[in-house]
Amino acid sequence: MAMLGDSAARAGMKEAEEREIRLDDIRLRTLKKFVQYLYTDSCDGLPASAADLLVAAEKYNVPALKLECEEALVAAIRVR
Protein backbone atom coordinates (compact mmCIF):
# COMPACT_ATOMS: atom_id res chain seq x y z
CA MET A 1 0.00 0.00 0.00
CA ALA A 2 2.48 2.53 -1.25
CA MET A 3 -0.06 5.35 -1.16
CA LEU A 4 -0.21 5.12 2.62
CA GLY A 5 3.54 4.93 2.99
CA ASP A 6 4.17 7.88 0.69
CA SER A 7 1.65 10.00 2.53
CA ALA A 8 3.18 9.13 5.87
CA ALA A 9 6.69 9.92 4.63
CA ARG A 10 5.69 13.32 3.25
CA ALA A 11 3.90 14.22 6.46
CA GLY A 12 6.85 13.17 8.66
CA MET A 13 4.67 10.66 10.46
CA LYS A 14 6.00 8.02 12.85
CA GLU A 15 4.73 5.32 10.47
CA ALA A 16 7.38 6.42 7.96
CA GLU A 17 10.11 6.10 10.54
CA GLU A 18 8.88 2.81 12.01
CA ARG A 19 7.97 1.37 8.59
CA GLU A 20 4.75 0.06 10.11
CA ILE A 21 1.19 1.26 9.71
CA ARG A 22 -1.35 0.27 12.34
CA LEU A 23 -4.89 -0.12 11.10
CA ASP A 24 -6.81 -0.66 14.32
CA ASP A 25 -10.05 0.72 12.95
CA ILE A 26 -10.62 -1.81 10.17
CA ARG A 27 -11.57 -5.48 10.46
CA LEU A 28 -9.14 -8.02 9.05
CA ARG A 29 -11.64 -9.38 6.51
CA THR A 30 -12.39 -5.83 5.34
CA LEU A 31 -8.68 -5.05 5.09
CA LYS A 32 -8.13 -8.16 2.98
CA LYS A 33 -10.91 -7.11 0.60
CA PHE A 34 -9.55 -3.55 0.53
CA VAL A 35 -6.05 -4.73 -0.39
CA GLN A 36 -7.53 -7.11 -2.95
CA TYR A 37 -9.25 -4.14 -4.57
CA LEU A 38 -6.05 -2.07 -4.57
CA TYR A 39 -4.24 -4.84 -6.47
CA THR A 40 -6.99 -6.07 -8.78
CA ASP A 41 -9.60 -3.28 -9.12
CA SER A 42 -12.23 -5.81 -8.11
CA CYS A 43 -13.66 -7.04 -4.88
CA ASP A 44 -15.45 -10.22 -3.91
CA GLY A 45 -18.40 -10.00 -1.59
CA LEU A 46 -20.16 -6.80 -2.57
CA PRO A 47 -22.78 -5.82 -1.44
CA ALA A 48 -22.34 -7.75 1.82
CA SER A 49 -19.15 -5.90 2.72
CA ALA A 50 -19.98 -2.63 0.97
CA ALA A 51 -20.62 -0.60 4.12
CA ASP A 52 -17.30 -1.51 5.74
CA LEU A 53 -15.38 -1.08 2.49
CA LEU A 54 -17.02 2.29 1.92
CA VAL A 55 -15.54 3.56 5.19
CA ALA A 56 -12.07 2.34 4.18
CA ALA A 57 -12.39 3.78 0.66
CA GLU A 58 -13.35 7.15 2.08
CA LYS A 59 -10.62 7.16 4.72
CA TYR A 60 -7.84 6.12 2.33
CA ASN A 61 -9.12 8.08 -0.67
CA VAL A 62 -9.95 5.33 -3.15
CA PRO A 63 -12.72 6.97 -5.21
CA ALA A 64 -13.40 4.05 -7.57
CA LEU A 65 -13.98 1.64 -4.67
CA LYS A 66 -16.08 4.25 -2.91
CA LEU A 67 -18.31 4.52 -5.98
CA GLU A 68 -18.66 0.73 -6.30
CA CYS A 69 -19.63 0.46 -2.63
CA GLU A 70 -22.15 3.29 -2.91
CA GLU A 71 -23.71 1.68 -5.97
CA ALA A 72 -23.89 -1.71 -4.22
CA LEU A 73 -25.57 -0.15 -1.19
CA VAL A 74 -28.10 1.75 -3.30
CA ALA A 75 -28.90 -1.41 -5.27
CA ALA A 76 -29.52 -3.26 -2.00
CA ILE A 77 -32.13 -0.77 -0.77
CA ARG A 78 -35.64 -2.18 -0.87
CA VAL A 79 -38.75 -0.08 -0.44
CA ARG A 80 -41.77 -1.74 1.13
C-alpha atoms as a PDB file:
ATOM      1  CA  MET A   1       0.000   0.000   0.000  1.00  0.00           C
ATOM      2  CA  ALA A   2       2.477   2.528  -1.254  1.00  0.00           C
ATOM      3  CA  MET A   3      -0.055   5.346  -1.165  1.00  0.00           C
ATOM      4  CA  LEU A   4      -0.212   5.115   2.618  1.00  0.00           C
ATOM      5  CA  GLY A   5       3.537   4.930   2.990  1.00  0.00           C
ATOM      6  CA  ASP A   6       4.172   7.881   0.685  1.00  0.00           C
ATOM      7  CA  SER A   7       1.647  10.004   2.531  1.00  0.00           C
ATOM      8  CA  ALA A   8       3.181   9.130   5.871  1.00  0.00           C
ATOM      9  CA  ALA A   9       6.688   9.923   4.634  1.00  0.00           C
ATOM     10  CA  ARG A  10       5.686  13.316   3.246  1.00  0.00           C
ATOM     11  CA  ALA A  11       3.903  14.221   6.462  1.00  0.00           C
ATOM     12  CA  GLY A  12       6.849  13.172   8.660  1.00  0.00           C
ATOM     13  CA  MET A  13       4.673  10.664  10.465  1.00  0.00           C
ATOM     14  CA  LYS A  14       5.997   8.024  12.846  1.00  0.00           C
ATOM     15  CA  GLU A  15       4.731   5.322  10.470  1.00  0.00           C
ATOM     16  CA  ALA A  16       7.378   6.420   7.956  1.00  0.00           C
ATOM     17  CA  GLU A  17      10.110   6.099  10.537  1.00  0.00           C
ATOM     18  CA  GLU A  18       8.884   2.806  12.009  1.00  0.00           C
ATOM     19  CA  ARG A  19       7.970   1.371   8.585  1.00  0.00           C
ATOM     20  CA  GLU A  20       4.752   0.059  10.106  1.00  0.00           C
ATOM     21  CA  ILE A  21       1.193   1.260   9.708  1.00  0.00           C
ATOM     22  CA  ARG A  22      -1.349   0.269  12.340  1.00  0.00           C
ATOM     23  CA  LEU A  23      -4.895  -0.124  11.101  1.00  0.00           C
ATOM     24  CA  ASP A  24      -6.809  -0.662  14.319  1.00  0.00           C
ATOM     25  CA  ASP A  25     -10.049   0.725  12.948  1.00  0.00           C
ATOM     26  CA  ILE A  26     -10.619  -1.813  10.171  1.00  0.00           C
ATOM     27  CA  ARG A  27     -11.565  -5.480  10.460  1.00  0.00           C
ATOM     28  CA  LEU A  28      -9.135  -8.015   9.046  1.00  0.00           C
ATOM     29  CA  ARG A  29     -11.642  -9.378   6.507  1.00  0.00           C
ATOM     30  CA  THR A  30     -12.386  -5.830   5.345  1.00  0.00           C
ATOM     31  CA  LEU A  31      -8.681  -5.048   5.090  1.00  0.00           C
ATOM     32  CA  LYS A  32      -8.135  -8.164   2.984  1.00  0.00           C
ATOM     33  CA  LYS A  33     -10.906  -7.114   0.602  1.00  0.00           C
ATOM     34  CA  PHE A  34      -9.550  -3.553   0.526  1.00  0.00           C
ATOM     35  CA  VAL A  35      -6.048  -4.730  -0.385  1.00  0.00           C
ATOM     36  CA  GLN A  36      -7.534  -7.110  -2.954  1.00  0.00           C
ATOM     37  CA  TYR A  37      -9.249  -4.138  -4.569  1.00  0.00           C
ATOM     38  CA  LEU A  38      -6.047  -2.075  -4.574  1.00  0.00           C
ATOM     39  CA  TYR A  39      -4.241  -4.841  -6.465  1.00  0.00           C
ATOM     40  CA  THR A  40      -6.989  -6.066  -8.784  1.00  0.00           C
ATOM     41  CA  ASP A  41      -9.597  -3.283  -9.119  1.00  0.00           C
ATOM     42  CA  SER A  42     -12.230  -5.814  -8.114  1.00  0.00           C
ATOM     43  CA  CYS A  43     -13.658  -7.041  -4.877  1.00  0.00           C
ATOM     44  CA  ASP A  44     -15.446 -10.223  -3.913  1.00  0.00           C
ATOM     45  CA  GLY A  45     -18.404 -10.004  -1.592  1.00  0.00           C
ATOM     46  CA  LEU A  46     -20.163  -6.804  -2.570  1.00  0.00           C
ATOM     47  CA  PRO A  47     -22.783  -5.824  -1.441  1.00  0.00           C
ATOM     48  CA  ALA A  48     -22.342  -7.751   1.821  1.00  0.00           C
ATOM     49  CA  SER A  49     -19.148  -5.896   2.717  1.00  0.00           C
ATOM     50  CA  ALA A  50     -19.975  -2.626   0.965  1.00  0.00           C
ATOM     51  CA  ALA A  51     -20.618  -0.595   4.125  1.00  0.00           C
ATOM     52  CA  ASP A  52     -17.297  -1.505   5.739  1.00  0.00           C
ATOM     53  CA  LEU A  53     -15.382  -1.082   2.485  1.00  0.00           C
ATOM     54  CA  LEU A  54     -17.022   2.295   1.916  1.00  0.00           C
ATOM     55  CA  VAL A  55     -15.543   3.557   5.191  1.00  0.00           C
ATOM     56  CA  ALA A  56     -12.069   2.340   4.179  1.00  0.00           C
ATOM     57  CA  ALA A  57     -12.387   3.777   0.662  1.00  0.00           C
ATOM     58  CA  GLU A  58     -13.354   7.153   2.075  1.00  0.00           C
ATOM     59  CA  LYS A  59     -10.622   7.158   4.720  1.00  0.00           C
ATOM     60  CA  TYR A  60      -7.839   6.117   2.334  1.00  0.00           C
ATOM     61  CA  ASN A  61      -9.122   8.082  -0.671  1.00  0.00           C
ATOM     62  CA  VAL A  62      -9.954   5.325  -3.154  1.00  0.00           C
ATOM     63  CA  PRO A  63     -12.724   6.966  -5.210  1.00  0.00           C
ATOM     64  CA  ALA A  64     -13.395   4.049  -7.567  1.00  0.00           C
ATOM     65  CA  LEU A  65     -13.977   1.643  -4.669  1.00  0.00           C
ATOM     66  CA  LYS A  66     -16.083   4.246  -2.911  1.00  0.00           C
ATOM     67  CA  LEU A  67     -18.313   4.523  -5.978  1.00  0.00           C
ATOM     68  CA  GLU A  68     -18.662   0.732  -6.298  1.00  0.00           C
ATOM     69  CA  CYS A  69     -19.630   0.462  -2.633  1.00  0.00           C
ATOM     70  CA  GLU A  70     -22.155   3.286  -2.909  1.00  0.00           C
ATOM     71  CA  GLU A  71     -23.710   1.677  -5.966  1.00  0.00           C
ATOM     72  CA  ALA A  72     -23.892  -1.709  -4.219  1.00  0.00           C
ATOM     73  CA  LEU A  73     -25.570  -0.146  -1.187  1.00  0.00           C
ATOM     74  CA  VAL A  74     -28.099   1.749  -3.300  1.00  0.00           C
ATOM     75  CA  ALA A  75     -28.903  -1.412  -5.268  1.00  0.00           C
ATOM     76  CA  ALA A  76     -29.516  -3.263  -1.995  1.00  0.00           C
ATOM     77  CA  ILE A  77     -32.134  -0.768  -0.769  1.00  0.00           C
ATOM     78  CA  ARG A  78     -35.639  -2.177  -0.865  1.00  0.00           C
ATOM     79  CA  VAL A  79     -38.747  -0.075  -0.437  1.00  0.00           C
ATOM     80  CA  ARG A  80     -41.773  -1.744   1.128  1.00  0.00           C
END
